[in-house]
Amino acid sequence: MSTGTPMRSGLTFPSSIGGGNVEESTIDRSSAFDGVLRTARNLRVEGQAKGEVYCDGTLFIEEGGQVDARVVSANISVAGIMTGEVLCHGKLEILPTGRVSGRVATASLVIQEGAIYEGELRMSNLDEEPTALETQPMGRQVTSGADARTEVPTSDSDPKGGY
């Protein structure tokens, strides 16, 4: 199921997104995970994770941490690097050192100054749309700090640019 996956668990940390002190699992800086990971608690990634990550709590990607995976989580906080398909049922927060690239569906998005987001974005009440990542292609939004732009596909039948 995995290679090189020593994990510390049962730690208690304060959580700005998840609220309060809760138990969490950790993939530490000297560890790498490749496979399918499911956890009912918060998950802190300080090392590397690839494959699929399903987290019922908050996924924290620390500065120096890297996740290249299909991610489904209640909440996500990114200070490191996250790439892939992301389904976040609550709040996705990209911190100043964070970089997110990929196809993202989330209910709430916070991009702090200095953070980088590149990819497709869909925002809605995801509990009503369980297959949000399997929908039609959408516009591409690129955000980097104060510089942001949105590219929206145009329709040939709409002379005003397809909005």
N, C-alpha and C. Protein backbone atom coordinates (compact mmCIF):
# COMPACT_ATOMS: atom_id res chain seq x y z
N MET A 1 0.81 -1.19 0.00
CA MET A 1 0.00 0.00 0.00
C MET A 1 0.85 1.25 0.00
N SER A 2 2.00 1.22 0.68
CA SER A 2 2.82 2.42 0.72
C SER A 2 4.28 2.04 0.87
N THR A 3 5.14 3.03 0.59
CA THR A 3 6.56 2.83 0.77
C THR A 3 7.10 3.94 1.62
N GLY A 4 7.89 3.62 2.61
CA GLY A 4 8.51 4.64 3.46
C GLY A 4 7.49 5.52 4.16
N THR A 5 6.59 4.92 4.96
CA THR A 5 5.51 5.71 5.52
C THR A 5 5.46 5.74 7.04
N PRO A 6 6.61 5.87 7.72
CA PRO A 6 6.48 5.98 9.15
C PRO A 6 5.69 7.24 9.49
N MET A 7 4.68 7.08 10.36
CA MET A 7 3.84 8.22 10.70
C MET A 7 3.73 8.33 12.21
N ARG A 8 3.81 9.55 12.71
CA ARG A 8 3.53 9.80 14.11
C ARG A 8 2.06 10.15 14.20
N SER A 9 1.36 9.61 15.17
CA SER A 9 -0.05 9.95 15.29
C SER A 9 -0.40 10.18 16.75
N GLY A 10 -1.59 10.74 16.95
CA GLY A 10 -2.05 11.00 18.29
C GLY A 10 -1.53 12.31 18.85
N LEU A 11 -0.93 13.17 18.03
CA LEU A 11 -0.41 14.44 18.49
C LEU A 11 -1.53 15.45 18.58
N THR A 12 -1.40 16.43 19.46
CA THR A 12 -2.41 17.46 19.61
C THR A 12 -1.81 18.81 19.26
N PHE A 13 -2.39 19.49 18.27
CA PHE A 13 -1.94 20.79 17.83
C PHE A 13 -3.13 21.72 17.74
N PRO A 14 -2.94 23.02 17.99
CA PRO A 14 -4.04 23.95 17.73
C PRO A 14 -4.25 24.06 16.23
N SER A 15 -5.48 24.28 15.82
CA SER A 15 -5.81 24.35 14.41
C SER A 15 -6.56 25.63 14.10
N SER A 16 -6.02 26.43 13.17
CA SER A 16 -6.69 27.68 12.81
C SER A 16 -7.90 27.42 11.94
N ILE A 17 -7.88 26.37 11.13
CA ILE A 17 -9.03 26.06 10.27
C ILE A 17 -9.97 25.10 10.96
N GLY A 18 -9.42 24.01 11.50
CA GLY A 18 -10.25 22.96 12.07
C GLY A 18 -10.90 23.35 13.39
N GLY A 19 -10.33 24.31 14.09
CA GLY A 19 -10.91 24.78 15.34
C GLY A 19 -10.55 23.90 16.51
N GLY A 20 -9.94 24.46 17.53
CA GLY A 20 -9.65 23.74 18.76
C GLY A 20 -8.47 22.79 18.64
N ASN A 21 -8.24 22.03 19.69
CA ASN A 21 -7.17 21.04 19.71
C ASN A 21 -7.75 19.69 19.31
N VAL A 22 -7.16 19.05 18.31
CA VAL A 22 -7.62 17.75 17.84
C VAL A 22 -6.42 16.86 17.57
N GLU A 23 -6.67 15.56 17.59
CA GLU A 23 -5.61 14.62 17.27
C GLU A 23 -5.32 14.68 15.77
N GLU A 24 -4.06 14.42 15.42
CA GLU A 24 -3.71 14.40 14.02
C GLU A 24 -2.60 13.42 13.75
N SER A 25 -2.50 13.01 12.50
CA SER A 25 -1.42 12.15 12.03
C SER A 25 -0.43 13.02 11.28
N THR A 26 0.83 12.56 11.20
CA THR A 26 1.87 13.34 10.56
C THR A 26 2.72 12.47 9.64
N ILE A 27 2.97 12.99 8.45
CA ILE A 27 4.00 12.43 7.57
C ILE A 27 5.17 13.39 7.75
N ASP A 28 6.20 12.96 8.47
CA ASP A 28 7.27 13.89 8.86
C ASP A 28 8.22 14.18 7.71
N ARG A 29 9.13 15.14 7.95
CA ARG A 29 10.04 15.64 6.91
C ARG A 29 10.92 14.55 6.30
N SER A 30 11.19 13.49 7.03
CA SER A 30 12.06 12.44 6.51
C SER A 30 11.28 11.28 5.89
N SER A 31 9.96 11.46 5.71
CA SER A 31 9.10 10.39 5.20
C SER A 31 8.48 10.73 3.86
N ALA A 32 8.20 9.67 3.10
CA ALA A 32 7.50 9.80 1.83
C ALA A 32 6.41 8.75 1.79
N PHE A 33 5.27 9.12 1.27
CA PHE A 33 4.13 8.22 1.16
C PHE A 33 3.71 8.14 -0.30
N ASP A 34 3.45 6.93 -0.79
CA ASP A 34 2.97 6.73 -2.15
C ASP A 34 1.90 5.66 -2.11
N GLY A 35 0.65 6.05 -2.30
CA GLY A 35 -0.45 5.10 -2.24
C GLY A 35 -1.75 5.80 -1.91
N VAL A 36 -2.64 5.07 -1.23
CA VAL A 36 -3.94 5.61 -0.82
C VAL A 36 -3.93 5.75 0.70
N LEU A 37 -4.15 6.97 1.17
CA LEU A 37 -4.17 7.25 2.61
C LEU A 37 -5.55 7.77 3.00
N ARG A 38 -6.16 7.13 3.99
CA ARG A 38 -7.46 7.56 4.51
C ARG A 38 -7.29 7.80 6.00
N THR A 39 -7.78 8.96 6.47
CA THR A 39 -7.72 9.25 7.89
C THR A 39 -8.97 9.99 8.33
N ALA A 40 -9.45 9.67 9.52
CA ALA A 40 -10.62 10.34 10.08
C ALA A 40 -10.22 11.55 10.90
N ARG A 41 -8.92 11.74 11.09
CA ARG A 41 -8.43 12.88 11.87
C ARG A 41 -7.70 13.85 10.97
N ASN A 42 -7.17 14.92 11.54
CA ASN A 42 -6.36 15.86 10.78
C ASN A 42 -5.09 15.17 10.32
N LEU A 43 -4.51 15.67 9.21
CA LEU A 43 -3.27 15.12 8.68
C LEU A 43 -2.31 16.27 8.40
N ARG A 44 -1.10 16.16 8.95
CA ARG A 44 -0.05 17.16 8.73
C ARG A 44 1.03 16.53 7.85
N VAL A 45 1.30 17.16 6.69
CA VAL A 45 2.32 16.65 5.76
C VAL A 45 3.51 17.59 5.81
N GLU A 46 4.61 17.07 6.34
CA GLU A 46 5.88 17.80 6.38
C GLU A 46 6.83 17.26 5.32
N GLY A 47 6.60 16.02 4.89
CA GLY A 47 7.43 15.37 3.88
C GLY A 47 6.71 15.34 2.54
N GLN A 48 6.64 14.14 1.93
CA GLN A 48 6.03 14.01 0.61
C GLN A 48 4.92 12.98 0.63
N ALA A 49 3.83 13.28 -0.09
CA ALA A 49 2.72 12.34 -0.24
C ALA A 49 2.30 12.32 -1.70
N LYS A 50 2.14 11.12 -2.25
CA LYS A 50 1.69 10.94 -3.64
C LYS A 50 0.57 9.92 -3.64
N GLY A 51 -0.27 10.00 -4.66
CA GLY A 51 -1.34 9.02 -4.81
C GLY A 51 -2.69 9.62 -4.55
N GLU A 52 -3.35 9.15 -3.47
CA GLU A 52 -4.67 9.63 -3.09
C GLU A 52 -4.69 9.87 -1.58
N VAL A 53 -5.26 11.00 -1.18
CA VAL A 53 -5.36 11.34 0.24
C VAL A 53 -6.81 11.70 0.54
N TYR A 54 -7.41 10.97 1.49
CA TYR A 54 -8.78 11.22 1.94
C TYR A 54 -8.71 11.56 3.42
N CYS A 55 -9.08 12.80 3.76
CA CYS A 55 -8.92 13.29 5.13
C CYS A 55 -10.26 13.86 5.61
N ASP A 56 -10.83 13.26 6.67
CA ASP A 56 -12.10 13.75 7.20
C ASP A 56 -11.93 15.03 8.01
N GLY A 57 -10.70 15.36 8.40
CA GLY A 57 -10.40 16.57 9.16
C GLY A 57 -9.75 17.61 8.26
N THR A 58 -8.75 18.29 8.79
CA THR A 58 -8.02 19.30 8.05
C THR A 58 -6.68 18.74 7.59
N LEU A 59 -6.37 18.93 6.33
CA LEU A 59 -5.08 18.56 5.77
C LEU A 59 -4.18 19.78 5.84
N PHE A 60 -3.08 19.68 6.59
CA PHE A 60 -2.09 20.76 6.69
C PHE A 60 -0.88 20.36 5.87
N ILE A 61 -0.51 21.16 4.87
CA ILE A 61 0.71 20.91 4.11
C ILE A 61 1.70 21.98 4.55
N GLU A 62 2.68 21.56 5.33
CA GLU A 62 3.64 22.48 5.93
C GLU A 62 4.62 23.02 4.89
N GLU A 63 5.28 24.12 5.20
CA GLU A 63 6.33 24.65 4.35
C GLU A 63 7.40 23.57 4.22
N GLY A 64 7.78 23.24 3.00
CA GLY A 64 8.71 22.14 2.75
C GLY A 64 7.99 20.84 2.44
N GLY A 65 6.71 20.76 2.77
CA GLY A 65 5.91 19.58 2.47
C GLY A 65 5.39 19.63 1.04
N GLN A 66 5.17 18.45 0.45
CA GLN A 66 4.70 18.40 -0.93
C GLN A 66 3.68 17.28 -1.08
N VAL A 67 2.53 17.61 -1.66
CA VAL A 67 1.48 16.63 -1.94
C VAL A 67 1.18 16.68 -3.43
N ASP A 68 1.36 15.54 -4.10
CA ASP A 68 1.03 15.40 -5.51
C ASP A 68 0.04 14.25 -5.58
N ALA A 69 -1.26 14.59 -5.47
CA ALA A 69 -2.24 13.54 -5.29
C ALA A 69 -3.64 14.02 -5.63
N ARG A 70 -4.55 13.05 -5.68
CA ARG A 70 -5.98 13.37 -5.68
C ARG A 70 -6.32 13.52 -4.20
N VAL A 71 -6.82 14.68 -3.83
CA VAL A 71 -7.07 14.99 -2.42
C VAL A 71 -8.56 15.26 -2.21
N VAL A 72 -9.13 14.60 -1.20
CA VAL A 72 -10.49 14.89 -0.75
C VAL A 72 -10.38 15.14 0.74
N SER A 73 -10.76 16.36 1.18
CA SER A 73 -10.61 16.72 2.58
C SER A 73 -11.70 17.68 3.01
N ALA A 74 -11.97 17.70 4.33
CA ALA A 74 -12.95 18.64 4.86
C ALA A 74 -12.42 20.06 4.73
N ASN A 75 -11.18 20.30 5.13
CA ASN A 75 -10.51 21.60 5.04
C ASN A 75 -9.06 21.36 4.66
N ILE A 76 -8.42 22.39 4.06
CA ILE A 76 -7.02 22.26 3.66
C ILE A 76 -6.31 23.58 3.91
N SER A 77 -5.10 23.49 4.47
CA SER A 77 -4.23 24.65 4.68
C SER A 77 -2.89 24.34 4.03
N VAL A 78 -2.45 25.20 3.09
CA VAL A 78 -1.24 24.90 2.31
C VAL A 78 -0.18 25.97 2.55
N ALA A 79 0.94 25.56 3.14
CA ALA A 79 2.12 26.42 3.25
C ALA A 79 3.24 25.89 2.36
N GLY A 80 3.09 24.64 1.89
CA GLY A 80 4.06 24.00 1.00
C GLY A 80 3.53 23.96 -0.42
N ILE A 81 3.61 22.78 -1.05
CA ILE A 81 3.20 22.62 -2.44
C ILE A 81 2.15 21.53 -2.54
N MET A 82 1.07 21.83 -3.25
CA MET A 82 0.02 20.84 -3.50
C MET A 82 -0.33 20.87 -4.98
N THR A 83 -0.26 19.71 -5.65
CA THR A 83 -0.64 19.60 -7.06
C THR A 83 -1.57 18.41 -7.22
N GLY A 84 -2.48 18.52 -8.18
CA GLY A 84 -3.40 17.42 -8.47
C GLY A 84 -4.84 17.86 -8.45
N GLU A 85 -5.74 16.88 -8.34
CA GLU A 85 -7.17 17.14 -8.22
C GLU A 85 -7.51 17.29 -6.75
N VAL A 86 -8.22 18.37 -6.42
CA VAL A 86 -8.52 18.66 -5.03
C VAL A 86 -10.02 18.89 -4.87
N LEU A 87 -10.62 18.17 -3.92
CA LEU A 87 -12.01 18.38 -3.54
C LEU A 87 -12.01 18.73 -2.06
N CYS A 88 -12.30 19.98 -1.75
CA CYS A 88 -12.30 20.47 -0.37
C CYS A 88 -13.73 20.87 -0.01
N HIS A 89 -14.34 20.16 0.94
CA HIS A 89 -15.74 20.40 1.29
C HIS A 89 -15.93 21.69 2.08
N GLY A 90 -14.89 22.21 2.68
CA GLY A 90 -14.99 23.42 3.49
C GLY A 90 -14.10 24.51 2.95
N LYS A 91 -13.07 24.84 3.73
CA LYS A 91 -12.20 25.98 3.44
C LYS A 91 -10.82 25.52 2.98
N LEU A 92 -10.41 26.02 1.81
CA LEU A 92 -9.05 25.84 1.31
C LEU A 92 -8.32 27.15 1.51
N GLU A 93 -7.25 27.11 2.30
CA GLU A 93 -6.47 28.32 2.58
C GLU A 93 -5.05 28.12 2.07
N ILE A 94 -4.60 29.05 1.20
CA ILE A 94 -3.23 29.00 0.70
C ILE A 94 -2.46 30.11 1.40
N LEU A 95 -1.49 29.72 2.21
CA LEU A 95 -0.71 30.65 3.01
C LEU A 95 0.37 31.32 2.16
N PRO A 96 1.03 32.37 2.66
CA PRO A 96 2.00 33.13 1.85
C PRO A 96 3.09 32.29 1.18
N THR A 97 3.51 31.19 1.79
CA THR A 97 4.55 30.35 1.20
C THR A 97 3.96 29.20 0.38
N GLY A 98 2.63 29.12 0.30
CA GLY A 98 1.96 28.01 -0.36
C GLY A 98 1.86 28.16 -1.85
N ARG A 99 1.84 27.00 -2.52
CA ARG A 99 1.67 26.95 -3.98
C ARG A 99 0.72 25.80 -4.28
N VAL A 100 -0.38 26.11 -4.99
CA VAL A 100 -1.36 25.10 -5.37
C VAL A 100 -1.51 25.12 -6.88
N SER A 101 -1.45 23.94 -7.48
CA SER A 101 -1.58 23.83 -8.93
C SER A 101 -2.44 22.61 -9.22
N GLY A 102 -3.50 22.82 -10.02
CA GLY A 102 -4.33 21.69 -10.38
C GLY A 102 -5.78 22.07 -10.53
N ARG A 103 -6.62 21.07 -10.47
CA ARG A 103 -8.06 21.25 -10.60
C ARG A 103 -8.67 21.23 -9.21
N VAL A 104 -9.26 22.35 -8.80
CA VAL A 104 -9.74 22.52 -7.43
C VAL A 104 -11.24 22.76 -7.40
N ALA A 105 -11.93 22.05 -6.53
CA ALA A 105 -13.33 22.32 -6.23
C ALA A 105 -13.40 22.54 -4.72
N THR A 106 -13.93 23.69 -4.29
CA THR A 106 -13.98 24.01 -2.87
C THR A 106 -15.20 24.86 -2.57
N ALA A 107 -15.63 24.83 -1.32
CA ALA A 107 -16.74 25.67 -0.89
C ALA A 107 -16.26 27.07 -0.56
N SER A 108 -15.02 27.20 -0.05
CA SER A 108 -14.48 28.49 0.37
C SER A 108 -12.99 28.52 0.05
N LEU A 109 -12.50 29.67 -0.42
CA LEU A 109 -11.10 29.79 -0.80
C LEU A 109 -10.51 31.07 -0.23
N VAL A 110 -9.33 30.94 0.41
CA VAL A 110 -8.58 32.08 0.90
C VAL A 110 -7.17 31.98 0.32
N ILE A 111 -6.76 33.02 -0.40
CA ILE A 111 -5.40 33.06 -0.95
C ILE A 111 -4.71 34.26 -0.33
N GLN A 112 -3.74 34.01 0.52
CA GLN A 112 -3.03 35.10 1.18
C GLN A 112 -1.99 35.70 0.24
N GLU A 113 -1.64 36.96 0.50
CA GLU A 113 -0.66 37.66 -0.31
C GLU A 113 0.65 36.88 -0.33
N GLY A 114 1.20 36.69 -1.53
CA GLY A 114 2.43 35.93 -1.71
C GLY A 114 2.18 34.50 -2.13
N ALA A 115 0.98 33.99 -1.88
CA ALA A 115 0.64 32.62 -2.26
C ALA A 115 0.44 32.54 -3.76
N ILE A 116 0.55 31.33 -4.31
CA ILE A 116 0.37 31.13 -5.75
C ILE A 116 -0.67 30.05 -5.97
N TYR A 117 -1.63 30.35 -6.84
CA TYR A 117 -2.62 29.36 -7.26
C TYR A 117 -2.64 29.36 -8.79
N GLU A 118 -2.58 28.18 -9.39
CA GLU A 118 -2.65 28.06 -10.83
C GLU A 118 -3.46 26.83 -11.17
N GLY A 119 -4.51 27.01 -11.95
CA GLY A 119 -5.30 25.86 -12.34
C GLY A 119 -6.75 26.20 -12.54
N GLU A 120 -7.59 25.17 -12.49
CA GLU A 120 -9.03 25.32 -12.64
C GLU A 120 -9.66 25.41 -11.26
N LEU A 121 -10.68 26.25 -11.15
CA LEU A 121 -11.32 26.45 -9.85
C LEU A 121 -12.83 26.38 -10.00
N ARG A 122 -13.45 25.63 -9.11
CA ARG A 122 -14.91 25.59 -9.03
C ARG A 122 -15.29 25.80 -7.58
N MET A 123 -16.15 26.77 -7.34
CA MET A 123 -16.60 27.05 -5.98
C MET A 123 -18.11 26.87 -5.92
N SER A 124 -18.57 26.07 -4.96
CA SER A 124 -19.99 25.83 -4.77
C SER A 124 -20.18 25.07 -3.47
N ASN A 125 -21.43 24.81 -3.13
CA ASN A 125 -21.73 23.97 -1.98
C ASN A 125 -21.49 22.53 -2.42
N LEU A 126 -20.33 22.00 -2.09
CA LEU A 126 -19.91 20.69 -2.60
C LEU A 126 -20.72 19.54 -2.06
N ASP A 127 -21.38 19.73 -0.91
CA ASP A 127 -22.19 18.65 -0.37
C ASP A 127 -23.36 18.32 -1.29
N GLU A 128 -23.78 19.31 -2.09
CA GLU A 128 -24.87 19.08 -3.03
C GLU A 128 -24.37 18.52 -4.35
N GLU A 129 -23.05 18.57 -4.59
CA GLU A 129 -22.47 18.11 -5.85
C GLU A 129 -21.30 17.17 -5.59
N PRO A 130 -21.57 15.91 -5.23
CA PRO A 130 -20.48 15.00 -4.88
C PRO A 130 -19.54 14.69 -6.03
N THR A 131 -19.93 14.94 -7.27
CA THR A 131 -19.06 14.65 -8.40
C THR A 131 -18.54 15.94 -9.02
N ALA A 132 -18.25 16.94 -8.21
CA ALA A 132 -17.82 18.25 -8.70
C ALA A 132 -16.57 18.18 -9.56
N LEU A 133 -15.68 17.23 -9.30
CA LEU A 133 -14.45 17.14 -10.09
C LEU A 133 -14.67 16.45 -11.43
N GLU A 134 -15.83 15.85 -11.62
CA GLU A 134 -16.10 15.15 -12.87
C GLU A 134 -17.01 15.96 -13.79
N THR A 135 -17.10 17.25 -13.58
CA THR A 135 -17.98 18.10 -14.38
C THR A 135 -17.28 18.56 -15.64
N GLN A 136 -18.00 19.34 -16.43
CA GLN A 136 -17.46 19.88 -17.67
C GLN A 136 -16.25 20.75 -17.41
N PRO A 137 -15.35 20.92 -18.40
CA PRO A 137 -14.21 21.82 -18.24
C PRO A 137 -14.68 23.22 -17.90
N MET A 138 -13.88 23.92 -17.09
CA MET A 138 -14.26 25.25 -16.67
C MET A 138 -13.16 26.24 -16.99
N GLY A 139 -13.39 27.52 -16.70
CA GLY A 139 -12.40 28.57 -16.93
C GLY A 139 -11.15 28.33 -16.13
N ARG A 140 -10.05 28.90 -16.56
CA ARG A 140 -8.76 28.76 -15.87
C ARG A 140 -8.46 30.07 -15.17
N GLN A 141 -8.18 29.98 -13.86
CA GLN A 141 -7.86 31.17 -13.09
C GLN A 141 -6.43 31.06 -12.60
N VAL A 142 -5.65 32.13 -12.80
CA VAL A 142 -4.27 32.16 -12.36
C VAL A 142 -4.13 33.29 -11.37
N THR A 143 -3.64 32.99 -10.17
CA THR A 143 -3.48 34.01 -9.16
C THR A 143 -2.08 33.91 -8.58
N SER A 144 -1.39 35.02 -8.52
CA SER A 144 -0.07 35.06 -7.91
C SER A 144 0.03 36.37 -7.15
N GLY A 145 -0.07 36.30 -5.83
CA GLY A 145 0.01 37.51 -5.01
C GLY A 145 -1.04 38.52 -5.43
N ALA A 146 -0.60 39.74 -5.74
CA ALA A 146 -1.52 40.81 -6.12
C ALA A 146 -1.94 40.71 -7.58
N ASP A 147 -1.21 39.92 -8.41
CA ASP A 147 -1.51 39.79 -9.83
C ASP A 147 -2.48 38.64 -10.04
N ALA A 148 -3.67 38.92 -10.55
CA ALA A 148 -4.64 37.86 -10.77
C ALA A 148 -5.33 38.08 -12.10
N ARG A 149 -5.64 36.99 -12.77
CA ARG A 149 -6.41 37.09 -14.00
C ARG A 149 -7.27 35.84 -14.12
N THR A 150 -8.35 35.96 -14.84
CA THR A 150 -9.22 34.82 -15.08
C THR A 150 -9.44 34.69 -16.57
N GLU A 151 -9.25 33.50 -17.09
CA GLU A 151 -9.49 33.23 -18.49
C GLU A 151 -10.75 32.40 -18.57
N VAL A 152 -11.76 32.90 -19.26
CA VAL A 152 -13.04 32.20 -19.37
C VAL A 152 -13.25 31.79 -20.80
N PRO A 153 -13.62 30.52 -21.04
CA PRO A 153 -13.86 30.08 -22.41
C PRO A 153 -14.96 30.94 -23.04
N THR A 154 -14.77 31.28 -24.30
CA THR A 154 -15.76 32.09 -24.99
C THR A 154 -16.62 31.23 -25.88
N SER A 155 -17.78 31.73 -26.20
CA SER A 155 -18.70 31.04 -27.07
C SER A 155 -18.77 31.77 -28.40
N ASP A 156 -18.70 31.05 -29.51
CA ASP A 156 -18.78 31.67 -30.83
C ASP A 156 -20.14 32.33 -31.05
N SER A 157 -21.17 31.84 -30.33
CA SER A 157 -22.50 32.38 -30.54
C SER A 157 -22.75 33.64 -29.72
N ASP A 158 -21.86 34.01 -28.84
CA ASP A 158 -22.04 35.20 -28.00
C ASP A 158 -21.06 36.27 -28.43
N PRO A 159 -21.53 37.34 -29.08
CA PRO A 159 -20.63 38.39 -29.56
C PRO A 159 -19.96 39.20 -28.47
N LYS A 160 -20.41 39.09 -27.23
CA LYS A 160 -19.83 39.87 -26.13
C LYS A 160 -18.75 39.10 -25.39
N GLY A 161 -18.32 37.94 -25.86
CA GLY A 161 -17.21 37.23 -25.23
C GLY A 161 -17.62 36.04 -24.40
N GLY A 162 -18.88 35.66 -24.38
CA GLY A 162 -19.29 34.42 -23.74
C GLY A 162 -19.58 34.51 -22.27
N TYR A 163 -19.79 35.65 -21.70
CA TYR A 163 -20.08 35.75 -20.26
C TYR A 163 -21.54 35.58 -19.98
